[in-house]
Amino acid sequence: MLEIHQFPCLSDNYGYLLHDPESQETVCIDTPDADEYLRQAGRKGWQITQIWNTHWHRDHAGGNAAIKAVTNCRVTAPKGDADKIEGIDRTVGQGDIVTIGHRQAFVIDVGGHTNGHIAYHLPGSCTAFVGDALFALGCGRMFEGEPAQFWASLKRLKALPGETMIYCAHEYTAANARFALHADPDNADLQAYAEDVTRRRDKGLPTVPTKLERELRANPFLRADDPDMQRRWGHPGDAVATFAALRSAKDSF
């Protein structure tokens, strides 16, 4: 089994080290804080061999050069963001495959937060590393993309097996829950989820990762194709317009 080491870094990021005990390869999923990644890998006794970037923002790719200088690791990054990322050895896009040892991760185009944003799905481990495309009870701000593009991206994630564990990059869930309850106040699954988030955060526990099947029931951004959500937000039969309305409302919430 692959080992996933999750740790907080910067103000609200999560760092992830993915380790294959057979090959002894270790992958950094994004590089928000080079020093902390190197420190955490050292504590685990793991040698960093790869970096997989999800998008170009500095709190996701800003540590590439420093980690590569120490470890001589190989950097994989999204084609669509490549001109803004340092140290790239390989660019990838929708449908490409990257490997850690003999284990495969499939690249998914999740553009919208940035145009080139990608996710990495490891079906053998039922995990997906989604950067800022999808959050527990939320999704990323649409800095570069368009609503139809971002909704198409979310549909690709929605199509993954329900048991997939979603590893997103920030601890935003409490704030996301407040908006979600505003957006979808009659959703009993959401209400129970929000109560669980409050309990976990009161104890200082992370709310990430999250299981996709739970997000499908409670995350308003993944429910833009639900007729009840569409009626509530004034766009019957139009998932893209419903998603756009939700995203705009969250931006000013």
Protein backbone atom coordinates (compact mmCIF):
# COMPACT_ATOMS: atom_id res chain seq x y z
CA MET A 1 0.00 0.00 0.00
CA LEU A 2 1.11 3.54 -0.70
CA GLU A 3 1.67 5.66 2.38
CA ILE A 4 0.26 9.20 2.48
CA HIS A 5 1.76 11.61 4.96
CA GLN A 6 -0.37 14.71 5.47
CA PHE A 7 0.83 17.74 7.40
CA PRO A 8 -0.15 21.40 7.81
CA CYS A 9 2.03 24.12 6.32
CA LEU A 10 1.85 27.84 5.63
CA SER A 11 -1.32 29.34 7.14
CA ASP A 12 -3.94 26.86 5.94
CA ASN A 13 -2.33 24.54 3.37
CA TYR A 14 -1.92 20.81 3.67
CA GLY A 15 1.25 19.21 2.43
CA TYR A 16 1.27 15.66 1.11
CA LEU A 17 4.08 13.17 0.71
CA LEU A 18 3.18 10.01 -1.18
CA HIS A 19 5.54 7.08 -0.47
CA ASP A 20 5.85 3.69 -2.13
CA PRO A 21 7.54 1.24 0.27
CA GLU A 22 8.46 -1.15 -2.55
CA SER A 23 10.35 1.26 -4.78
CA GLN A 24 11.20 3.70 -1.97
CA GLU A 25 10.00 6.53 -4.21
CA THR A 26 8.47 9.57 -2.54
CA VAL A 27 6.36 12.16 -4.34
CA CYS A 28 5.61 15.69 -3.16
CA ILE A 29 2.08 16.63 -4.11
CA ASP A 30 2.66 20.34 -4.73
CA THR A 31 5.33 22.31 -2.87
CA PRO A 32 3.85 25.16 -0.81
CA ASP A 33 6.70 25.16 1.73
CA ALA A 34 10.02 23.63 0.65
CA ASP A 35 11.58 23.66 4.11
CA GLU A 36 8.64 21.88 5.69
CA TYR A 37 8.48 19.26 2.96
CA LEU A 38 12.18 18.50 3.35
CA ARG A 39 11.81 18.42 7.13
CA GLN A 40 8.83 16.06 7.01
CA ALA A 41 10.51 13.74 4.51
CA GLY A 42 13.61 13.65 6.69
CA ARG A 43 11.57 12.74 9.76
CA LYS A 44 9.98 9.87 7.86
CA GLY A 45 13.33 8.72 6.47
CA TRP A 46 12.04 9.17 2.91
CA GLN A 47 14.00 10.42 -0.08
CA ILE A 48 11.99 12.77 -2.30
CA THR A 49 12.21 11.56 -5.91
CA GLN A 50 9.36 13.42 -7.62
CA ILE A 51 7.14 16.48 -7.44
CA TRP A 52 3.64 16.45 -8.95
CA ASN A 53 2.25 19.95 -9.30
CA THR A 54 -1.48 20.60 -9.67
CA HIS A 55 -1.24 24.27 -10.75
CA TRP A 56 1.05 27.27 -10.84
CA HIS A 57 0.08 29.28 -7.75
CA ARG A 58 3.00 29.93 -5.42
CA ASP A 59 1.42 28.06 -2.53
CA HIS A 60 1.44 24.97 -4.77
CA ALA A 61 4.59 25.22 -6.89
CA GLY A 62 6.70 27.80 -5.07
CA GLY A 63 8.99 25.24 -3.44
CA ASN A 64 9.93 23.33 -6.58
CA ALA A 65 13.37 24.85 -7.11
CA ALA A 66 14.48 24.55 -3.50
CA ILE A 67 13.40 20.93 -3.16
CA LYS A 68 14.90 19.98 -6.52
CA ALA A 69 18.21 21.63 -5.58
CA VAL A 70 18.48 19.40 -2.50
CA THR A 71 17.06 16.14 -3.87
CA ASN A 72 17.53 16.28 -7.67
CA CYS A 73 13.94 15.08 -7.95
CA ARG A 74 11.89 15.05 -11.15
CA VAL A 75 9.13 17.65 -11.53
CA THR A 76 5.86 16.93 -13.32
CA ALA A 77 3.53 19.85 -13.93
CA PRO A 78 0.43 20.76 -15.95
CA LYS A 79 0.91 21.69 -19.58
CA GLY A 80 -1.48 24.60 -19.32
CA ASP A 81 0.42 26.25 -16.47
CA ALA A 82 3.94 25.28 -17.54
CA ASP A 83 5.13 28.79 -18.37
CA LYS A 84 4.59 29.83 -14.74
CA ILE A 85 6.25 26.87 -12.95
CA GLU A 86 9.94 26.38 -12.19
CA GLY A 87 12.07 23.29 -12.70
CA ILE A 88 9.75 21.23 -14.90
CA ASP A 89 11.00 17.94 -16.35
CA ARG A 90 7.71 16.74 -17.81
CA THR A 91 4.37 18.36 -18.62
CA VAL A 92 1.10 16.42 -18.55
CA GLY A 93 -2.56 16.89 -19.36
CA GLN A 94 -5.89 15.07 -19.47
CA GLY A 95 -5.47 11.30 -19.80
CA ASP A 96 -1.72 11.19 -19.23
CA ILE A 97 -0.27 8.76 -16.70
CA VAL A 98 2.40 9.34 -14.08
CA THR A 99 3.87 6.63 -11.88
CA ILE A 100 5.29 6.11 -8.43
CA GLY A 101 7.04 2.77 -8.48
CA HIS A 102 4.74 0.54 -10.51
CA ARG A 103 1.60 2.37 -9.38
CA GLN A 104 -0.23 4.60 -11.81
CA ALA A 105 -1.87 7.98 -11.36
CA PHE A 106 -4.16 9.31 -14.08
CA VAL A 107 -4.12 13.02 -14.87
CA ILE A 108 -7.49 14.78 -14.94
CA ASP A 109 -8.07 18.21 -16.45
CA VAL A 110 -9.76 20.27 -13.73
CA GLY A 111 -9.21 23.73 -15.21
CA GLY A 112 -11.19 26.64 -13.82
CA HIS A 113 -9.33 27.84 -10.74
CA THR A 114 -6.42 28.21 -13.15
CA ASN A 115 -6.78 27.25 -16.79
CA GLY A 116 -4.13 24.54 -16.57
CA HIS A 117 -5.13 23.01 -13.22
CA ILE A 118 -4.91 19.21 -13.07
CA ALA A 119 -5.66 16.51 -10.53
CA TYR A 120 -3.98 13.13 -9.97
CA HIS A 121 -6.21 10.07 -9.52
CA LEU A 122 -4.71 6.86 -8.17
CA PRO A 123 -7.45 4.25 -8.68
CA GLY A 124 -5.42 1.50 -7.04
CA SER A 125 -5.43 3.50 -3.81
CA CYS A 126 -8.90 5.08 -4.22
CA THR A 127 -7.35 8.53 -3.86
CA ALA A 128 -7.33 11.77 -5.82
CA PHE A 129 -5.16 14.81 -5.18
CA VAL A 130 -7.19 17.74 -6.45
CA GLY A 131 -5.27 20.87 -5.41
CA ASP A 132 -7.66 23.83 -5.32
CA ALA A 133 -10.19 22.50 -7.85
CA LEU A 134 -12.41 20.88 -5.24
CA PHE A 135 -12.57 21.39 -1.49
CA ALA A 136 -14.52 19.71 1.26
CA LEU A 137 -17.93 21.40 0.85
CA GLY A 138 -16.51 23.87 -1.67
CA CYS A 139 -14.48 24.49 -4.80
CA GLY A 140 -11.72 26.90 -5.79
CA ARG A 141 -12.27 30.48 -6.84
CA MET A 142 -12.54 30.88 -10.60
CA PHE A 143 -9.45 33.05 -11.08
CA GLU A 144 -8.78 32.21 -14.73
CA GLY A 145 -11.46 29.91 -16.09
CA GLU A 146 -15.08 30.16 -17.18
CA PRO A 147 -18.16 28.58 -15.56
CA ALA A 148 -18.72 26.00 -18.32
CA GLN A 149 -15.06 24.96 -18.14
CA PHE A 150 -15.08 24.66 -14.36
CA TRP A 151 -18.37 22.75 -14.30
CA ALA A 152 -16.97 20.31 -16.88
CA SER A 153 -13.97 19.84 -14.60
CA LEU A 154 -16.14 19.12 -11.59
CA LYS A 155 -18.13 16.61 -13.62
CA ARG A 156 -14.90 14.71 -14.29
CA LEU A 157 -14.31 14.49 -10.55
CA LYS A 158 -17.97 13.60 -9.91
CA ALA A 159 -17.51 10.61 -12.23
CA LEU A 160 -14.82 9.01 -10.04
CA PRO A 161 -15.86 6.11 -7.80
CA GLY A 162 -17.78 7.28 -4.76
CA GLU A 163 -15.29 5.70 -2.35
CA THR A 164 -12.47 7.89 -3.70
CA MET A 165 -10.78 9.88 -0.95
CA ILE A 166 -10.36 13.49 -2.03
CA TYR A 167 -7.17 15.17 -0.84
CA CYS A 168 -7.58 18.92 -1.27
CA ALA A 169 -4.97 21.50 -0.47
CA HIS A 170 -6.51 23.74 2.20
CA GLU A 171 -8.40 23.61 5.48
CA TYR A 172 -11.33 25.74 4.35
CA THR A 173 -14.15 23.42 5.38
CA ALA A 174 -15.66 25.39 8.25
CA ALA A 175 -16.07 28.49 6.10
CA ASN A 176 -17.29 26.37 3.19
CA ALA A 177 -19.90 24.76 5.43
CA ARG A 178 -21.35 28.14 6.37
CA PHE A 179 -21.88 29.03 2.72
CA ALA A 180 -23.14 25.55 1.86
CA LEU A 181 -25.85 25.81 4.53
CA HIS A 182 -26.85 29.15 3.04
CA ALA A 183 -26.89 27.71 -0.47
CA ASP A 184 -28.73 24.46 0.32
CA PRO A 185 -30.43 24.90 3.72
CA ASP A 186 -32.82 21.93 3.52
CA ASN A 187 -30.13 19.31 2.84
CA ALA A 188 -30.07 16.87 5.79
CA ASP A 189 -26.80 15.27 4.65
CA LEU A 190 -25.20 18.70 4.58
CA GLN A 191 -26.52 19.58 8.02
CA ALA A 192 -25.01 16.41 9.53
CA TYR A 193 -21.74 17.03 7.69
CA ALA A 194 -21.54 20.62 8.96
CA GLU A 195 -22.07 19.44 12.54
CA ASP A 196 -19.25 16.94 12.12
CA VAL A 197 -16.98 19.67 10.74
CA THR A 198 -17.67 21.82 13.81
CA ARG A 199 -16.86 18.94 16.16
CA ARG A 200 -13.63 18.14 14.35
CA ARG A 201 -12.41 21.72 14.18
CA ASP A 202 -13.28 22.31 17.85
CA LYS A 203 -10.87 19.46 18.61
CA GLY A 204 -8.22 20.83 16.24
CA LEU A 205 -8.64 17.89 13.86
CA PRO A 206 -8.41 18.12 10.06
CA THR A 207 -11.51 17.76 7.88
CA VAL A 208 -9.42 16.58 4.93
CA PRO A 209 -9.39 14.11 3.22
CA THR A 210 -13.06 13.73 2.42
CA LYS A 211 -14.87 10.89 0.66
CA LEU A 212 -16.32 11.78 -2.73
CA GLU A 213 -19.67 10.12 -2.05
CA ARG A 214 -20.17 12.45 0.91
CA GLU A 215 -19.34 15.48 -1.21
CA LEU A 216 -21.79 14.38 -3.89
CA ARG A 217 -24.59 14.51 -1.34
CA ALA A 218 -23.61 17.72 0.44
CA ASN A 219 -21.27 19.95 -1.57
CA PRO A 220 -23.45 22.58 -3.32
CA PHE A 221 -20.97 23.07 -6.17
CA LEU A 222 -21.21 19.38 -7.08
CA ARG A 223 -25.01 19.61 -6.95
CA ALA A 224 -25.42 22.27 -9.62
CA ASP A 225 -27.09 19.62 -11.80
CA ASP A 226 -29.67 18.82 -9.12
CA PRO A 227 -33.15 20.10 -10.07
CA ASP A 228 -33.86 21.36 -6.54
CA MET A 229 -30.64 23.35 -6.48
CA GLN A 230 -31.33 24.73 -9.93
CA ARG A 231 -34.80 25.92 -8.93
CA ARG A 232 -33.52 27.42 -5.69
CA TRP A 233 -30.88 29.39 -7.56
CA GLY A 234 -33.17 30.45 -10.38
CA HIS A 235 -31.80 28.39 -13.27
CA PRO A 236 -34.03 25.34 -13.87
CA GLY A 237 -32.43 22.89 -16.26
CA ASP A 238 -29.13 24.79 -16.46
CA ALA A 239 -26.26 23.33 -14.44
CA VAL A 240 -23.67 25.79 -15.76
CA ALA A 241 -25.73 28.84 -14.82
CA THR A 242 -26.45 27.32 -11.40
CA PHE A 243 -22.77 26.67 -10.81
CA ALA A 244 -21.90 30.21 -11.93
CA ALA A 245 -24.49 31.66 -9.55
CA LEU A 246 -23.17 29.60 -6.65
CA ARG A 247 -19.57 30.54 -7.36
CA SER A 248 -20.39 34.23 -7.63
CA ALA A 249 -22.39 34.12 -4.41
CA LYS A 250 -19.56 32.38 -2.56
CA ASP A 251 -17.07 34.99 -3.77
CA SER A 252 -18.99 37.72 -1.91
CA PHE A 253 -20.36 35.65 0.98
